[in-house]
C-alpha atoms as a PDB file:
ATOM      1  CA  MET A   1     -24.805   2.196 -60.382  1.00  0.00           C
ATOM      2  CA  LEU A   2     -23.824   5.274 -58.393  1.00  0.00           C
ATOM      3  CA  SER A   3     -27.311   5.414 -56.947  1.00  0.00           C
ATOM      4  CA  GLU A   4     -27.065   1.782 -55.812  1.00  0.00           C
ATOM      5  CA  SER A   5     -23.636   2.388 -54.237  1.00  0.00           C
ATOM      6  CA  SER A   6     -24.949   5.459 -52.463  1.00  0.00           C
ATOM      7  CA  SER A   7     -27.918   3.525 -51.107  1.00  0.00           C
ATOM      8  CA  PHE A   8     -25.635   0.728 -49.949  1.00  0.00           C
ATOM      9  CA  LEU A   9     -23.337   3.139 -48.092  1.00  0.00           C
ATOM     10  CA  LYS A  10     -26.310   4.845 -46.468  1.00  0.00           C
ATOM     11  CA  GLY A  11     -27.581   1.456 -45.358  1.00  0.00           C
ATOM     12  CA  VAL A  12     -24.214   0.556 -43.829  1.00  0.00           C
ATOM     13  CA  MET A  13     -24.037   3.877 -41.987  1.00  0.00           C
ATOM     14  CA  LEU A  14     -27.586   3.612 -40.666  1.00  0.00           C
ATOM     15  CA  GLY A  15     -26.965   0.027 -39.613  1.00  0.00           C
ATOM     16  CA  SER A  16     -23.810   1.018 -37.735  1.00  0.00           C
ATOM     17  CA  ILE A  17     -25.614   3.848 -35.950  1.00  0.00           C
ATOM     18  CA  PHE A  18     -28.459   1.510 -35.016  1.00  0.00           C
ATOM     19  CA  CYS A  19     -26.016  -1.083 -33.611  1.00  0.00           C
ATOM     20  CA  ALA A  20     -24.234   1.623 -31.642  1.00  0.00           C
ATOM     21  CA  LEU A  21     -27.502   2.779 -30.099  1.00  0.00           C
ATOM     22  CA  ILE A  22     -28.459  -0.783 -29.203  1.00  0.00           C
ATOM     23  CA  THR A  23     -25.048  -1.279 -27.571  1.00  0.00           C
ATOM     24  CA  MET A  24     -25.376   1.904 -25.522  1.00  0.00           C
ATOM     25  CA  LEU A  25     -28.886   1.057 -24.411  1.00  0.00           C
ATOM     26  CA  GLY A  26     -27.779  -2.447 -23.551  1.00  0.00           C
ATOM     27  CA  HIS A  27     -25.160  -1.064 -21.198  1.00  0.00           C
ATOM     28  CA  ILE A  28     -27.216   1.714 -19.697  1.00  0.00           C
ATOM     29  CA  LYS A  29     -30.906   0.800 -19.631  1.00  0.00           C
ATOM     30  CA  ILE A  30     -30.534  -2.211 -17.409  1.00  0.00           C
ATOM     31  CA  GLY A  31     -31.050  -3.325 -13.886  1.00  0.00           C
ATOM     32  CA  HIS A  32     -34.250  -1.475 -13.015  1.00  0.00           C
ATOM     33  CA  GLY A  33     -36.338  -4.603 -13.381  1.00  0.00           C
ATOM     34  CA  ASN A  34     -33.845  -6.733 -11.469  1.00  0.00           C
ATOM     35  CA  ARG A  35     -33.397  -4.792  -8.249  1.00  0.00           C
ATOM     36  CA  MET A  36     -32.978  -7.073  -5.295  1.00  0.00           C
ATOM     37  CA  HIS A  37     -34.058  -4.371  -2.840  1.00  0.00           C
ATOM     38  CA  ASP A  38     -34.341  -0.605  -2.540  1.00  0.00           C
ATOM     39  CA  HIS A  39     -30.701   0.247  -1.815  1.00  0.00           C
ATOM     40  CA  GLU A  40     -30.839   3.216  -4.204  1.00  0.00           C
ATOM     41  CA  HIS A  41     -28.146   5.729  -5.069  1.00  0.00           C
ATOM     42  CA  HIS A  42     -27.778   8.553  -2.620  1.00  0.00           C
ATOM     43  CA  HIS A  43     -25.077  10.723  -1.128  1.00  0.00           C
ATOM     44  CA  LEU A  44     -23.377   9.007   1.793  1.00  0.00           C
ATOM     45  CA  GLN A  45     -21.769  11.050   4.541  1.00  0.00           C
ATOM     46  CA  ALA A  46     -19.123  10.273   7.126  1.00  0.00           C
ATOM     47  CA  PRO A  47     -20.244   9.994  10.764  1.00  0.00           C
ATOM     48  CA  ASN A  48     -19.784  13.086  12.903  1.00  0.00           C
ATOM     49  CA  LYS A  49     -17.666  13.140  16.044  1.00  0.00           C
ATOM     50  CA  GLU A  50     -20.677  13.494  18.345  1.00  0.00           C
ATOM     51  CA  ASP A  51     -22.127  10.195  17.090  1.00  0.00           C
ATOM     52  CA  ILE A  52     -18.827   8.416  17.673  1.00  0.00           C
ATOM     53  CA  LEU A  53     -18.524   9.790  21.205  1.00  0.00           C
ATOM     54  CA  LYS A  54     -21.872   8.211  22.058  1.00  0.00           C
ATOM     55  CA  ILE A  55     -20.212   4.813  21.641  1.00  0.00           C
ATOM     56  CA  SER A  56     -18.513   3.540  24.797  1.00  0.00           C
ATOM     57  CA  GLU A  57     -14.718   3.641  24.925  1.00  0.00           C
ATOM     58  CA  ASP A  58     -14.497  -0.159  25.058  1.00  0.00           C
ATOM     59  CA  GLU A  59     -16.707  -0.466  21.974  1.00  0.00           C
ATOM     60  CA  ARG A  60     -14.625   2.136  20.151  1.00  0.00           C
ATOM     61  CA  MET A  61     -11.441   0.239  20.920  1.00  0.00           C
ATOM     62  CA  GLU A  62     -13.008  -2.998  19.706  1.00  0.00           C
ATOM     63  CA  LEU A  63     -14.148  -1.278  16.506  1.00  0.00           C
ATOM     64  CA  SER A  64     -10.686   0.103  15.816  1.00  0.00           C
ATOM     65  CA  LYS A  65      -9.166  -3.367  16.180  1.00  0.00           C
ATOM     66  CA  SER A  66     -11.757  -5.293  14.191  1.00  0.00           C
ATOM     67  CA  PHE A  67     -12.263  -2.920  11.261  1.00  0.00           C
ATOM     68  CA  GLN A  68     -10.169  -4.193   8.342  1.00  0.00           C
ATOM     69  CA  VAL A  69      -9.764  -3.161   4.710  1.00  0.00           C
ATOM     70  CA  TYR A  70      -8.246  -5.208   1.889  1.00  0.00           C
ATOM     71  CA  CYS A  71      -6.580  -3.097  -0.824  1.00  0.00           C
ATOM     72  CA  ILE A  72      -6.396  -4.061  -4.505  1.00  0.00           C
ATOM     73  CA  ILE A  73      -3.915  -2.115  -6.644  1.00  0.00           C
ATOM     74  CA  LEU A  74      -4.150  -2.558 -10.424  1.00  0.00           C
ATOM     75  CA  VAL A  75      -0.778  -1.895 -12.038  1.00  0.00           C
ATOM     76  CA  LYS A  76       1.098  -2.271 -15.304  1.00  0.00           C
ATOM     77  CA  PRO A  77       4.757  -3.366 -15.492  1.00  0.00           C
ATOM     78  CA  LYS A  78       5.724  -0.060 -17.126  1.00  0.00           C
ATOM     79  CA  ASP A  79       4.564   1.829 -14.002  1.00  0.00           C
ATOM     80  CA  VAL A  80       7.464   0.568 -11.889  1.00  0.00           C
ATOM     81  CA  SER A  81       8.249   3.914 -10.234  1.00  0.00           C
ATOM     82  CA  LEU A  82       4.598   4.472  -9.271  1.00  0.00           C
ATOM     83  CA  TRP A  83       4.351   0.880  -8.137  1.00  0.00           C
ATOM     84  CA  ALA A  84       7.345   1.306  -5.830  1.00  0.00           C
ATOM     85  CA  ALA A  85       6.028   4.592  -4.415  1.00  0.00           C
ATOM     86  CA  VAL A  86       2.625   3.112  -3.591  1.00  0.00           C
ATOM     87  CA  LYS A  87       4.232   0.089  -1.947  1.00  0.00           C
ATOM     88  CA  GLU A  88       6.517   2.326   0.149  1.00  0.00           C
ATOM     89  CA  THR A  89       3.799   4.753   1.229  1.00  0.00           C
ATOM     90  CA  TRP A  90       0.056   4.497   1.863  1.00  0.00           C
ATOM     91  CA  THR A  91      -0.526   0.778   1.194  1.00  0.00           C
ATOM     92  CA  LYS A  92       1.351   0.033   4.425  1.00  0.00           C
ATOM     93  CA  HIS A  93      -1.766   1.284   6.192  1.00  0.00           C
ATOM     94  CA  CYS A  94      -4.058  -1.261   4.517  1.00  0.00           C
ATOM     95  CA  ASP A  95      -4.725  -4.341   6.608  1.00  0.00           C
ATOM     96  CA  LYS A  96      -3.567  -6.213   3.532  1.00  0.00           C
ATOM     97  CA  ALA A  97      -2.582  -4.843   0.128  1.00  0.00           C
ATOM     98  CA  GLU A  98      -1.842  -6.821  -3.013  1.00  0.00           C
ATOM     99  CA  PHE A  99      -0.758  -5.757  -6.479  1.00  0.00           C
ATOM    100  CA  PHE A 100      -2.379  -7.204  -9.589  1.00  0.00           C
ATOM    101  CA  SER A 101      -0.571  -6.943 -12.907  1.00  0.00           C
ATOM    102  CA  SER A 102      -0.361  -8.351 -16.418  1.00  0.00           C
ATOM    103  CA  GLU A 103       2.946  -9.993 -15.476  1.00  0.00           C
ATOM    104  CA  ASN A 104       4.579 -11.565 -12.464  1.00  0.00           C
ATOM    105  CA  VAL A 105       7.009  -8.970 -11.083  1.00  0.00           C
ATOM    106  CA  LYS A 106       8.808 -10.756  -8.251  1.00  0.00           C
ATOM    107  CA  VAL A 107      10.286  -7.684  -6.578  1.00  0.00           C
ATOM    108  CA  PHE A 108       6.751  -6.428  -5.892  1.00  0.00           C
ATOM    109  CA  GLU A 109       5.227  -9.877  -5.315  1.00  0.00           C
ATOM    110  CA  SER A 110       2.559  -9.118  -7.894  1.00  0.00           C
ATOM    111  CA  ILE A 111      -0.284 -11.458  -8.752  1.00  0.00           C
ATOM    112  CA  ASN A 112      -0.267 -12.219 -12.462  1.00  0.00           C
ATOM    113  CA  MET A 113      -3.665 -11.725 -14.111  1.00  0.00           C
ATOM    114  CA  GLU A 114      -2.212 -12.673 -17.531  1.00  0.00           C
ATOM    115  CA  THR A 115      -3.965  -9.845 -19.370  1.00  0.00           C
ATOM    116  CA  ASN A 116      -3.319  -6.229 -20.355  1.00  0.00           C
ATOM    117  CA  ASP A 117      -7.033  -5.509 -20.560  1.00  0.00           C
ATOM    118  CA  MET A 118      -7.920  -3.404 -17.517  1.00  0.00           C
ATOM    119  CA  TRP A 119     -11.505  -4.679 -17.273  1.00  0.00           C
ATOM    120  CA  LEU A 120     -10.385  -8.309 -17.383  1.00  0.00           C
ATOM    121  CA  MET A 121      -7.691  -7.503 -14.833  1.00  0.00           C
ATOM    122  CA  MET A 122     -10.223  -5.811 -12.553  1.00  0.00           C
ATOM    123  CA  ARG A 123     -12.764  -8.628 -12.639  1.00  0.00           C
ATOM    124  CA  LYS A 124     -10.066 -11.278 -12.145  1.00  0.00           C
ATOM    125  CA  ALA A 125      -8.659  -9.329  -9.198  1.00  0.00           C
ATOM    126  CA  TYR A 126     -12.102  -9.058  -7.604  1.00  0.00           C
ATOM    127  CA  LYS A 127     -12.699 -12.781  -8.069  1.00  0.00           C
ATOM    128  CA  TYR A 128      -9.288 -13.632  -6.607  1.00  0.00           C
ATOM    129  CA  ALA A 129      -9.902 -11.370  -3.602  1.00  0.00           C
ATOM    130  CA  PHE A 130     -13.384 -12.738  -2.956  1.00  0.00           C
ATOM    131  CA  ASP A 131     -12.401 -16.393  -3.299  1.00  0.00           C
ATOM    132  CA  LYS A 132      -9.397 -16.010  -1.005  1.00  0.00           C
ATOM    133  CA  TYR A 133     -10.451 -13.391   1.545  1.00  0.00           C
ATOM    134  CA  ARG A 134     -14.246 -13.368   1.788  1.00  0.00           C
ATOM    135  CA  ASP A 135     -14.083 -14.702   5.351  1.00  0.00           C
ATOM    136  CA  GLN A 136     -11.373 -12.259   6.454  1.00  0.00           C
ATOM    137  CA  TYR A 137     -12.387  -8.838   5.144  1.00  0.00           C
ATOM    138  CA  ASN A 138     -15.694  -6.998   4.892  1.00  0.00           C
ATOM    139  CA  TRP A 139     -14.470  -4.043   2.833  1.00  0.00           C
ATOM    140  CA  PHE A 140     -12.491  -4.070  -0.420  1.00  0.00           C
ATOM    141  CA  PHE A 141     -10.775  -0.960  -1.772  1.00  0.00           C
ATOM    142  CA  LEU A 142      -9.505  -0.871  -5.364  1.00  0.00           C
ATOM    143  CA  ALA A 143      -7.201   1.826  -6.734  1.00  0.00           C
ATOM    144  CA  ARG A 144      -4.727   2.704  -9.442  1.00  0.00           C
ATOM    145  CA  PRO A 145      -1.037   3.374  -8.683  1.00  0.00           C
ATOM    146  CA  THR A 146      -1.552   7.111  -9.299  1.00  0.00           C
ATOM    147  CA  THR A 147      -3.904   7.257  -6.299  1.00  0.00           C
ATOM    148  CA  PHE A 148      -2.918   8.210  -2.754  1.00  0.00           C
ATOM    149  CA  ALA A 149      -5.295   6.919  -0.075  1.00  0.00           C
ATOM    150  CA  ILE A 150      -5.632   7.753   3.606  1.00  0.00           C
ATOM    151  CA  ILE A 151      -6.891   4.419   4.893  1.00  0.00           C
ATOM    152  CA  GLU A 152      -7.703   5.680   8.398  1.00  0.00           C
ATOM    153  CA  ASN A 153     -10.119   8.215   6.891  1.00  0.00           C
ATOM    154  CA  LEU A 154     -11.648   5.454   4.789  1.00  0.00           C
ATOM    155  CA  LYS A 155     -12.199   3.346   7.893  1.00  0.00           C
ATOM    156  CA  TYR A 156     -13.724   6.307   9.695  1.00  0.00           C
ATOM    157  CA  PHE A 157     -16.064   6.969   6.774  1.00  0.00           C
ATOM    158  CA  LEU A 158     -17.185   3.337   6.712  1.00  0.00           C
ATOM    159  CA  LEU A 159     -17.512   3.077  10.475  1.00  0.00           C
ATOM    160  CA  LYS A 160     -21.311   3.132  10.665  1.00  0.00           C
ATOM    161  CA  LYS A 161     -21.903   1.383   7.326  1.00  0.00           C
ATOM    162  CA  ASP A 162     -23.103  -2.216   7.429  1.00  0.00           C
ATOM    163  CA  PRO A 163     -20.965  -4.388   5.091  1.00  0.00           C
ATOM    164  CA  SER A 164     -23.825  -6.889   4.837  1.00  0.00           C
ATOM    165  CA  GLN A 165     -25.552  -4.215   2.728  1.00  0.00           C
ATOM    166  CA  PRO A 166     -24.557  -3.757  -0.947  1.00  0.00           C
ATOM    167  CA  PHE A 167     -22.322  -0.691  -0.780  1.00  0.00           C
ATOM    168  CA  TYR A 168     -20.516   0.519  -3.919  1.00  0.00           C
ATOM    169  CA  LEU A 169     -19.063   3.935  -3.242  1.00  0.00           C
ATOM    170  CA  GLY A 170     -16.467   6.537  -4.105  1.00  0.00           C
ATOM    171  CA  HIS A 171     -16.602   9.494  -6.502  1.00  0.00           C
ATOM    172  CA  THR A 172     -19.666   9.037  -8.705  1.00  0.00           C
ATOM    173  CA  VAL A 173     -19.896  10.124 -12.334  1.00  0.00           C
ATOM    174  CA  LYS A 174     -22.964  10.114 -14.566  1.00  0.00           C
ATOM    175  CA  SER A 175     -22.768   8.835 -18.151  1.00  0.00           C
ATOM    176  CA  GLY A 176     -26.185   8.899 -19.757  1.00  0.00           C
ATOM    177  CA  ASP A 177     -28.424   6.897 -17.440  1.00  0.00           C
ATOM    178  CA  LEU A 178     -25.477   5.000 -15.990  1.00  0.00           C
ATOM    179  CA  GLU A 179     -24.050   6.238 -12.710  1.00  0.00           C
ATOM    180  CA  TYR A 180     -20.692   4.723 -11.817  1.00  0.00           C
ATOM    181  CA  VAL A 181     -17.833   5.146  -9.357  1.00  0.00           C
ATOM    182  CA  SER A 182     -14.714   6.503 -11.045  1.00  0.00           C
ATOM    183  CA  VAL A 183     -11.694   4.248 -10.631  1.00  0.00           C
ATOM    184  CA  GLU A 184      -9.528   7.383 -10.571  1.00  0.00           C
ATOM    185  CA  GLY A 185     -10.799   8.177  -7.084  1.00  0.00           C
ATOM    186  CA  GLY A 186     -10.787   4.568  -5.900  1.00  0.00           C
ATOM    187  CA  ILE A 187     -13.681   2.114  -5.573  1.00  0.00           C
ATOM    188  CA  VAL A 188     -15.030   0.625  -2.339  1.00  0.00           C
ATOM    189  CA  LEU A 189     -17.184  -2.506  -2.276  1.00  0.00           C
ATOM    190  CA  SER A 190     -18.725  -4.142   0.770  1.00  0.00           C
ATOM    191  CA  ILE A 191     -18.596  -7.915   1.146  1.00  0.00           C
ATOM    192  CA  GLU A 192     -22.261  -8.095   0.085  1.00  0.00           C
ATOM    193  CA  SER A 193     -21.483  -6.275  -3.165  1.00  0.00           C
ATOM    194  CA  MET A 194     -18.517  -8.586  -3.686  1.00  0.00           C
ATOM    195  CA  LYS A 195     -20.809 -11.605  -3.268  1.00  0.00           C
ATOM    196  CA  ARG A 196     -23.273 -10.269  -5.814  1.00  0.00           C
ATOM    197  CA  LEU A 197     -20.538  -9.346  -8.275  1.00  0.00           C
ATOM    198  CA  ASN A 198     -18.920 -12.766  -7.935  1.00  0.00           C
ATOM    199  CA  SER A 199     -22.236 -14.462  -8.687  1.00  0.00           C
ATOM    200  CA  LEU A 200     -22.465 -12.555 -11.991  1.00  0.00           C
ATOM    201  CA  LEU A 201     -18.903 -12.978 -13.256  1.00  0.00           C
ATOM    202  CA  SER A 202     -19.832 -16.309 -14.815  1.00  0.00           C
ATOM    203  CA  VAL A 203     -22.972 -14.901 -16.471  1.00  0.00           C
ATOM    204  CA  PRO A 204     -21.826 -13.294 -19.757  1.00  0.00           C
ATOM    205  CA  GLU A 205     -25.309 -11.974 -20.566  1.00  0.00           C
ATOM    206  CA  LYS A 206     -25.160  -9.725 -17.500  1.00  0.00           C
ATOM    207  CA  CYS A 207     -21.439  -9.275 -16.894  1.00  0.00           C
ATOM    208  CA  PRO A 208     -19.514  -9.877 -20.148  1.00  0.00           C
ATOM    209  CA  GLU A 209     -15.748 -10.164 -20.272  1.00  0.00           C
ATOM    210  CA  GLN A 210     -15.704  -7.928 -23.333  1.00  0.00           C
ATOM    211  CA  GLY A 211     -17.381  -4.562 -23.827  1.00  0.00           C
ATOM    212  CA  GLY A 212     -19.898  -3.451 -26.415  1.00  0.00           C
ATOM    213  CA  MET A 213     -20.158  -4.559 -30.021  1.00  0.00           C
ATOM    214  CA  ILE A 214     -19.018  -1.242 -31.486  1.00  0.00           C
ATOM    215  CA  TRP A 215     -16.683   0.299 -28.939  1.00  0.00           C
ATOM    216  CA  LYS A 216     -15.166  -0.582 -25.607  1.00  0.00           C
ATOM    217  CA  ILE A 217     -16.214   1.144 -22.399  1.00  0.00           C
ATOM    218  CA  SER A 218     -13.887   1.767 -19.461  1.00  0.00           C
ATOM    219  CA  GLU A 219     -13.435  -0.773 -16.696  1.00  0.00           C
ATOM    220  CA  ASP A 220     -15.199   1.348 -14.067  1.00  0.00           C
ATOM    221  CA  LYS A 221     -18.266   1.666 -16.305  1.00  0.00           C
ATOM    222  CA  GLN A 222     -18.176  -2.077 -16.996  1.00  0.00           C
ATOM    223  CA  LEU A 223     -18.169  -2.716 -13.252  1.00  0.00           C
ATOM    224  CA  ALA A 224     -21.191  -0.453 -12.772  1.00  0.00           C
ATOM    225  CA  VAL A 225     -23.063  -2.301 -15.532  1.00  0.00           C
ATOM    226  CA  CYS A 226     -22.446  -5.654 -13.835  1.00  0.00           C
ATOM    227  CA  LEU A 227     -23.338  -4.386 -10.366  1.00  0.00           C
ATOM    228  CA  LYS A 228     -26.516  -2.756 -11.652  1.00  0.00           C
ATOM    229  CA  TYR A 229     -27.797  -6.165 -12.698  1.00  0.00           C
ATOM    230  CA  ALA A 230     -27.290  -7.282  -9.088  1.00  0.00           C
ATOM    231  CA  GLY A 231     -29.194  -4.344  -7.619  1.00  0.00           C
ATOM    232  CA  VAL A 232     -26.045  -2.531  -6.496  1.00  0.00           C
ATOM    233  CA  PHE A 233     -25.874   1.171  -7.297  1.00  0.00           C
ATOM    234  CA  ALA A 234     -23.135   3.798  -7.135  1.00  0.00           C
ATOM    235  CA  GLU A 235     -23.095   6.096  -4.108  1.00  0.00           C
ATOM    236  CA  ASN A 236     -21.131   9.313  -3.730  1.00  0.00           C
ATOM    237  CA  ALA A 237     -19.063   9.652  -0.551  1.00  0.00           C
ATOM    238  CA  GLU A 238     -19.062  13.055   1.145  1.00  0.00           C
ATOM    239  CA  ASP A 239     -18.138  14.682   4.439  1.00  0.00           C
ATOM    240  CA  SER A 240     -20.638  16.418   6.741  1.00  0.00           C
ATOM    241  CA  GLU A 241     -20.335  19.605   4.654  1.00  0.00           C
ATOM    242  CA  GLY A 242     -21.108  17.842   1.393  1.00  0.00           C
ATOM    243  CA  LYS A 243     -17.533  17.872   0.073  1.00  0.00           C
ATOM    244  CA  ASP A 244     -16.301  14.838  -1.842  1.00  0.00           C
ATOM    245  CA  VAL A 245     -13.905  12.615   0.090  1.00  0.00           C
ATOM    246  CA  PHE A 246     -12.864  10.478  -2.893  1.00  0.00           C
ATOM    247  CA  ASN A 247     -11.040  12.814  -5.259  1.00  0.00           C
ATOM    248  CA  THR A 248     -10.053  12.286  -8.884  1.00  0.00           C
ATOM    249  CA  LYS A 249      -7.464  15.100  -8.839  1.00  0.00           C
ATOM    250  CA  SER A 250      -4.303  15.866  -6.875  1.00  0.00           C
ATOM    251  CA  VAL A 251      -4.162  18.201  -3.868  1.00  0.00           C
ATOM    252  CA  GLY A 252      -1.986  20.598  -5.861  1.00  0.00           C
ATOM    253  CA  LEU A 253      -4.560  20.886  -8.622  1.00  0.00           C
ATOM    254  CA  PHE A 254      -7.370  21.447  -6.116  1.00  0.00           C
ATOM    255  CA  ILE A 255      -5.394  24.234  -4.420  1.00  0.00           C
ATOM    256  CA  LYS A 256      -4.587  25.838  -7.769  1.00  0.00           C
ATOM    257  CA  GLU A 257      -8.267  25.796  -8.736  1.00  0.00           C
ATOM    258  CA  ALA A 258      -9.290  27.197  -5.337  1.00  0.00           C
ATOM    259  CA  MET A 259      -6.758  30.044  -5.624  1.00  0.00           C
ATOM    260  CA  THR A 260      -8.290  30.962  -8.975  1.00  0.00           C
ATOM    261  CA  ASN A 261     -11.956  30.500  -8.128  1.00  0.00           C
ATOM    262  CA  GLN A 262     -12.021  31.332  -4.400  1.00  0.00           C
ATOM    263  CA  PRO A 263      -8.868  33.363  -3.630  1.00  0.00           C
ATOM    264  CA  ASN A 264     -10.235  34.519  -0.261  1.00  0.00           C
ATOM    265  CA  GLN A 265     -11.196  31.010   0.849  1.00  0.00           C
ATOM    266  CA  VAL A 266      -8.499  28.762  -0.558  1.00  0.00           C
ATOM    267  CA  VAL A 267      -8.622  26.162   2.228  1.00  0.00           C
ATOM    268  CA  GLU A 268     -12.412  26.061   2.421  1.00  0.00           C
ATOM    269  CA  GLY A 269     -12.661  25.924  -1.360  1.00  0.00           C
ATOM    270  CA  CYS A 270     -10.129  23.150  -1.744  1.00  0.00           C
ATOM    271  CA  CYS A 271     -10.734  19.826  -0.096  1.00  0.00           C
ATOM    272  CA  SER A 272     -12.425  17.966   2.709  1.00  0.00           C
ATOM    273  CA  ASP A 273     -10.590  17.616   6.027  1.00  0.00           C
ATOM    274  CA  MET A 274     -11.637  13.957   5.915  1.00  0.00           C
ATOM    275  CA  ALA A 275     -10.454  13.283   2.350  1.00  0.00           C
ATOM    276  CA  VAL A 276      -9.865   9.607   1.589  1.00  0.00           C
ATOM    277  CA  THR A 277      -8.150   9.760  -1.803  1.00  0.00           C
ATOM    278  CA  PHE A 278      -6.374  12.023  -4.268  1.00  0.00           C
ATOM    279  CA  ASN A 279      -5.382  10.992  -7.777  1.00  0.00           C
ATOM    280  CA  GLY A 280      -2.907  11.900 -10.492  1.00  0.00           C
ATOM    281  CA  LEU A 281       0.171  11.881  -8.256  1.00  0.00           C
ATOM    282  CA  THR A 282       3.771  11.290  -9.298  1.00  0.00           C
ATOM    283  CA  PRO A 283       6.054   9.081  -7.162  1.00  0.00           C
ATOM    284  CA  ASN A 284       7.653  12.165  -5.567  1.00  0.00           C
ATOM    285  CA  GLN A 285       4.240  13.617  -4.773  1.00  0.00           C
ATOM    286  CA  MET A 286       3.300  10.323  -3.100  1.00  0.00           C
ATOM    287  CA  HIS A 287       6.213  10.702  -0.687  1.00  0.00           C
ATOM    288  CA  VAL A 288       5.380  14.371  -0.065  1.00  0.00           C
ATOM    289  CA  MET A 289       1.799  13.376   0.766  1.00  0.00           C
ATOM    290  CA  MET A 290       3.101  10.693   3.108  1.00  0.00           C
ATOM    291  CA  TYR A 291       5.207  13.298   4.893  1.00  0.00           C
ATOM    292  CA  GLY A 292       2.350  15.763   5.218  1.00  0.00           C
ATOM    293  CA  VAL A 293      -0.293  13.245   6.296  1.00  0.00           C
ATOM    294  CA  TYR A 294       1.660  10.923   8.590  1.00  0.00           C
ATOM    295  CA  ARG A 295       5.036  12.364   9.564  1.00  0.00           C
ATOM    296  CA  LEU A 296       4.730  16.120  10.063  1.00  0.00           C
ATOM    297  CA  ARG A 297       3.699  16.926  13.636  1.00  0.00           C
ATOM    298  CA  ALA A 298       3.035  20.140  15.551  1.00  0.00           C
ATOM    299  CA  PHE A 299       4.930  19.697  18.838  1.00  0.00           C
ATOM    300  CA  GLY A 300       2.671  19.903  21.886  1.00  0.00           C
ATOM    301  CA  HIS A 301      -0.534  19.691  19.868  1.00  0.00           C
ATOM    302  CA  ILE A 302      -2.774  16.776  20.790  1.00  0.00           C
ATOM    303  CA  PHE A 303      -5.453  15.490  18.436  1.00  0.00           C
ATOM    304  CA  ASN A 304      -8.514  14.461  20.412  1.00  0.00           C
ATOM    305  CA  ASP A 305      -9.714  11.864  17.938  1.00  0.00           C
ATOM    306  CA  ALA A 306     -12.632   9.748  19.067  1.00  0.00           C
ATOM    307  CA  LEU A 307     -11.095   6.646  17.499  1.00  0.00           C
ATOM    308  CA  VAL A 308      -7.640   5.257  16.877  1.00  0.00           C
ATOM    309  CA  PHE A 309      -7.112   2.756  14.064  1.00  0.00           C
ATOM    310  CA  LEU A 310      -4.185   0.544  14.928  1.00  0.00           C
ATOM    311  CA  PRO A 311      -1.785  -0.624  12.194  1.00  0.00           C
ATOM    312  CA  PRO A 312      -1.708  -4.296  11.162  1.00  0.00           C
ATOM    313  CA  ASN A 313       0.527  -6.557  13.237  1.00  0.00           C
ATOM    314  CA  GLY A 314       4.087  -6.500  11.937  1.00  0.00           C
ATOM    315  CA  SER A 315       3.478  -3.438   9.787  1.00  0.00           C
ATOM    316  CA  ASP A 316       6.331  -0.984   9.217  1.00  0.00           C
ATOM    317  CA  ASN A 317       3.960   1.860   8.379  1.00  0.00           C
ATOM    318  CA  ASP A 318       4.556   5.437   9.480  1.00  0.00           C
END
């Protein structure tokens, strides 16, 4: 009897392990036979100033006016203080920013996704944005309320990227054979990637609403799985020196690490001058970042930027 029970338990354990492996392989070993073209993963860099200066002044002005980014912020009702800080700070620099939540919070004019599941919220937000704004915006930026973004740097980074190509970029992370963009640093999709994602949202075999059979994977990994089926692959965004511009940590943490690891080169060892995002910020830190990035000025110093990105009409941004 004991022998039979032992055999039964071993069978259950082996069966569970087998199912887990199948689930993992199902999420990771996909997409290679379904590539729509050769837009493979690589490290993408921001344009350098010399390239921008080759563009005529009239063309640069036209670019600065026409380049628009739609911002998606995924929030939870309990994050009210973060929500307020994001609304009062960097999202003013988006050409349009909307908040997506599990509830309708009138004071923030949130869009109710009617779910607490972050993957369901993300896919519903992407579908909403595509259905409503596909003819107005070519770039879609998604972030959490703990993220601070410098939208002008994002626009500069994207300047020479063609949105009719399937871009999916940010801070890439590798998990087994799956490479994905971490939501902690923010996720950027071109309109072409949005089209491909939207076409798969109604295909549960390729882009399921729920995760694996055994355990649930994070929403950013789920997104990568869906996009991989459409031939869209994660790309890491860097500056001309190879430094990440989408960051999953706060400035303070980067400086602390640089002081420990590179005490003689704290600035060089910290962050990119063209950083787009930092993550893990408190509401107070959001306002401090806003002060440092947009309000603090050195009197008499003129920045000779090759481009100027104008704020949206009617914006009260800094």
